[in-house]
N, C-alpha and C. Protein backbone atom coordinates (compact mmCIF):
# COMPACT_ATOMS: atom_id res chain seq x y z
N MET A 1 29.14 15.33 -3.22
CA MET A 1 29.12 16.50 -3.01
C MET A 1 27.32 15.68 -2.01
N PRO A 2 27.56 16.24 -0.99
CA PRO A 2 26.22 16.17 -0.40
C PRO A 2 25.11 16.37 -0.33
N HIS A 3 23.54 15.85 -0.57
CA HIS A 3 22.50 16.67 -0.41
C HIS A 3 21.76 15.98 0.21
N THR A 4 20.97 17.27 0.39
CA THR A 4 19.47 17.45 1.55
C THR A 4 18.62 16.88 0.97
N ILE A 5 17.59 16.30 1.02
CA ILE A 5 16.42 16.13 0.98
C ILE A 5 14.84 15.79 1.84
N ARG A 6 14.10 16.02 1.63
CA ARG A 6 12.90 15.71 1.83
C ARG A 6 12.34 14.37 1.88
N VAL A 7 11.79 13.70 3.18
CA VAL A 7 11.86 12.74 3.28
C VAL A 7 10.59 11.87 3.89
N ARG A 8 9.86 11.28 3.98
CA ARG A 8 8.38 10.84 4.59
C ARG A 8 8.32 9.24 4.39
N ILE A 9 7.84 8.43 5.85
CA ILE A 9 8.01 7.69 6.07
C ILE A 9 6.62 7.26 5.45
N HIS A 10 6.57 5.95 4.79
CA HIS A 10 4.79 5.18 4.25
C HIS A 10 5.03 3.78 3.23
N GLY A 11 4.26 3.13 4.90
CA GLY A 11 4.16 1.85 4.82
C GLY A 11 5.57 0.53 5.32
N GLY A 12 6.34 1.73 6.13
CA GLY A 12 7.40 1.29 6.86
C GLY A 12 8.73 1.21 5.30
N ARG A 13 8.35 2.34 4.49
CA ARG A 13 9.56 2.71 3.51
C ARG A 13 9.44 4.52 3.15
N VAL A 14 10.98 4.51 4.04
CA VAL A 14 11.70 5.73 2.82
C VAL A 14 11.08 6.18 1.41
N GLU A 15 10.37 7.19 1.52
CA GLU A 15 10.20 7.39 0.01
C GLU A 15 10.42 9.49 0.50
N PRO A 16 11.27 9.74 -1.12
CA PRO A 16 12.04 11.17 -0.90
C PRO A 16 10.56 11.56 -1.67
N MET A 17 10.27 12.93 -1.06
CA MET A 17 9.68 13.41 -1.02
C MET A 17 9.66 15.22 -2.23
N GLU A 18 11.12 14.62 -2.86
CA GLU A 18 11.35 16.06 -4.13
C GLU A 18 12.43 15.07 -4.40
N PRO A 19 12.69 15.71 -6.09
CA PRO A 19 13.68 14.45 -6.95
C PRO A 19 14.88 14.79 -6.05
N ILE A 20 15.86 13.36 -6.33
CA ILE A 20 17.13 13.09 -5.82
C ILE A 20 17.85 12.82 -6.72
N PRO A 21 19.11 14.04 -6.65
CA PRO A 21 20.02 14.51 -7.28
C PRO A 21 21.20 12.75 -7.61
N ILE A 22 20.88 11.48 -8.15
CA ILE A 22 21.39 10.76 -7.65
C ILE A 22 21.36 9.53 -8.87
N THR A 23 22.26 8.62 -8.98
CA THR A 23 21.67 7.92 -10.46
C THR A 23 22.06 6.17 -9.74
N GLU A 24 21.10 5.91 -10.50
CA GLU A 24 20.55 4.75 -10.04
C GLU A 24 21.94 3.68 -9.74
N GLY A 25 21.75 2.58 -9.12
CA GLY A 25 22.44 1.99 -7.95
C GLY A 25 23.49 3.10 -7.57
N GLU A 26 23.86 4.36 -7.44
CA GLU A 26 24.91 5.05 -6.58
C GLU A 26 24.34 4.66 -4.85
N GLY A 27 25.34 4.84 -4.13
CA GLY A 27 25.36 4.73 -2.95
C GLY A 27 24.62 6.04 -2.05
N VAL A 28 24.38 5.81 -1.02
CA VAL A 28 23.81 7.16 -0.11
C VAL A 28 23.84 6.60 0.84
N LEU A 29 24.32 8.04 1.89
CA LEU A 29 24.20 7.83 3.51
C LEU A 29 22.99 8.54 3.78
N THR A 30 22.41 7.78 4.92
CA THR A 30 20.56 8.37 5.34
C THR A 30 20.97 8.61 7.24
N VAL A 31 20.70 9.89 7.17
CA VAL A 31 21.12 9.88 8.78
C VAL A 31 19.37 10.13 9.20
N ILE A 32 19.23 9.33 10.76
CA ILE A 32 17.96 9.48 10.87
C ILE A 32 18.37 10.47 12.32
N ASP A 33 17.22 11.03 12.92
CA ASP A 33 17.83 11.49 13.86
C ASP A 33 17.31 10.88 14.69
N ASP A 34 17.60 10.11 16.02
CA ASP A 34 17.32 9.58 16.47
C ASP A 34 16.71 9.47 18.35
N ASP A 35 16.51 11.04 18.14
CA ASP A 35 15.66 11.75 18.99
C ASP A 35 14.24 11.97 18.72
N PHE A 36 13.30 10.81 18.10
CA PHE A 36 12.07 11.08 17.62
C PHE A 36 11.42 11.24 18.52
N GLU A 37 11.38 10.62 19.58
CA GLU A 37 10.10 10.56 20.28
C GLU A 37 9.77 12.59 21.18
N LYS A 38 11.66 13.36 21.09
CA LYS A 38 11.20 14.46 22.13
C LYS A 38 11.16 15.26 20.59
N ALA A 39 11.67 14.83 19.08
CA ALA A 39 10.53 16.21 18.33
C ALA A 39 9.74 15.61 17.67
N LEU A 40 8.98 14.42 17.82
CA LEU A 40 7.41 14.10 18.14
C LEU A 40 6.66 14.90 19.36
N ALA A 41 7.45 14.99 20.40
CA ALA A 41 6.13 15.96 21.05
C ALA A 41 6.89 17.35 20.90
N ASP A 42 7.91 17.28 20.66
CA ASP A 42 7.59 19.61 20.06
C ASP A 42 7.22 19.70 19.29
N PHE A 43 6.66 19.05 18.04
CA PHE A 43 5.62 18.84 17.52
C PHE A 43 4.42 19.14 17.96
N ARG A 44 3.97 18.19 18.72
CA ARG A 44 2.10 18.20 19.47
C ARG A 44 2.53 19.25 20.35
N SER A 45 3.76 20.36 20.71
CA SER A 45 3.31 20.88 21.61
C SER A 45 2.92 22.14 20.61
N ALA A 46 3.58 22.32 19.65
CA ALA A 46 3.44 23.65 18.65
C ALA A 46 1.94 23.44 17.68
N LEU A 47 1.70 22.14 17.96
CA LEU A 47 0.07 22.21 17.25
C LEU A 47 -0.03 22.58 18.35
N GLY A 48 -0.50 22.07 19.93
CA GLY A 48 -1.14 22.54 20.94
C GLY A 48 -1.04 24.32 20.87
N ALA A 49 -0.22 24.60 20.62
CA ALA A 49 -0.04 26.78 20.71
C ALA A 49 -0.82 26.86 19.69
N LEU A 50 -1.50 27.00 18.50
CA LEU A 50 -2.23 26.85 17.61
C LEU A 50 -3.82 26.90 18.17
N LYS A 51 -4.43 25.96 19.26
CA LYS A 51 -5.70 25.94 19.84
C LYS A 51 -6.07 26.79 19.98
N GLY A 52 -7.19 27.08 19.44
CA GLY A 52 -8.16 28.66 19.27
C GLY A 52 -7.98 29.60 18.48
N THR A 53 -6.88 29.27 17.56
CA THR A 53 -6.89 30.56 16.20
C THR A 53 -7.97 30.21 15.57
N ASP A 54 -7.75 31.27 14.70
CA ASP A 54 -8.52 31.34 13.52
C ASP A 54 -7.74 30.80 12.86
N LEU A 55 -7.57 29.95 12.07
CA LEU A 55 -6.98 29.14 10.91
C LEU A 55 -6.88 30.13 9.56
N GLU A 56 -8.27 30.18 9.58
CA GLU A 56 -8.79 30.80 7.66
C GLU A 56 -7.53 32.85 8.29
N ALA A 57 -7.84 33.18 9.02
CA ALA A 57 -6.99 34.30 9.57
C ALA A 57 -5.74 34.46 9.39
N ARG A 58 -4.85 33.01 10.05
CA ARG A 58 -3.64 33.09 9.81
C ARG A 58 -3.45 32.97 8.28
N VAL A 59 -4.00 32.15 7.81
CA VAL A 59 -3.60 31.88 6.46
C VAL A 59 -3.49 33.40 5.30
N ALA A 60 -4.97 33.65 5.51
CA ALA A 60 -5.55 35.26 5.12
C ALA A 60 -4.12 35.80 5.54
N ALA A 61 -3.94 36.13 6.16
CA ALA A 61 -2.25 36.88 6.62
C ALA A 61 -0.76 36.43 6.01
N MET A 62 -0.42 34.82 6.19
CA MET A 62 0.69 34.55 5.42
C MET A 62 0.10 34.95 3.78
N TYR A 63 -0.72 34.87 3.37
CA TYR A 63 -0.52 35.22 1.76
C TYR A 63 -0.81 36.73 1.25
N LEU A 64 -1.26 37.68 2.53
CA LEU A 64 -1.08 39.15 2.12
C LEU A 64 0.51 39.22 2.27
N ALA A 65 1.11 38.79 3.43
CA ALA A 65 2.68 38.90 3.69
C ALA A 65 3.00 38.40 2.42
N ARG A 66 3.52 37.62 1.14
CA ARG A 66 3.70 36.93 0.72
C ARG A 66 3.44 37.88 -0.64
N GLU A 67 2.76 38.41 -0.13
CA GLU A 67 2.48 39.74 -1.82
C GLU A 67 2.96 41.04 -1.48
N GLU A 68 2.69 41.26 0.02
CA GLU A 68 3.53 42.92 0.04
C GLU A 68 5.16 42.33 0.52
N GLY A 69 5.78 41.40 0.52
CA GLY A 69 7.21 40.66 0.63
C GLY A 69 8.24 41.59 1.55
N THR A 70 9.33 41.07 1.32
CA THR A 70 10.01 41.59 2.80
C THR A 70 10.96 42.85 2.12
N ARG A 71 10.79 43.00 0.37
CA ARG A 71 12.17 44.16 0.07
C ARG A 71 11.59 45.75 -0.03
N PRO A 72 12.52 46.62 -0.07
CA PRO A 72 12.12 47.89 -0.50
C PRO A 72 11.08 47.85 -1.44
N LEU A 73 10.33 48.94 -1.75
CA LEU A 73 9.34 49.35 -2.82
C LEU A 73 10.29 49.66 -3.89
N ASP A 74 11.57 50.17 -3.86
CA ASP A 74 12.98 51.10 -4.49
C ASP A 74 13.57 49.85 -5.34
N ARG A 75 13.28 48.40 -4.49
CA ARG A 75 14.20 47.90 -5.00
C ARG A 75 13.52 45.94 -6.04
N ARG A 76 12.25 46.62 -6.36
CA ARG A 76 11.26 45.15 -7.03
C ARG A 76 11.89 45.28 -8.60
């Protein structure tokens, strides 16, 4: 059964960022996005969009939205 997990590259090695649901010695198939440069450019562009914003206010707004939730009050 296929699973998707998050990984990070650290010191030239691929390190899982969460538990891997496989046993020792089991084979895995790894797919790496071969358009890394485009993904990196998109990431940097997204960071540029945040330039000049009040990050503390944005974080406070995110926490408030999490507290309020998206469900109607009668479904809690």
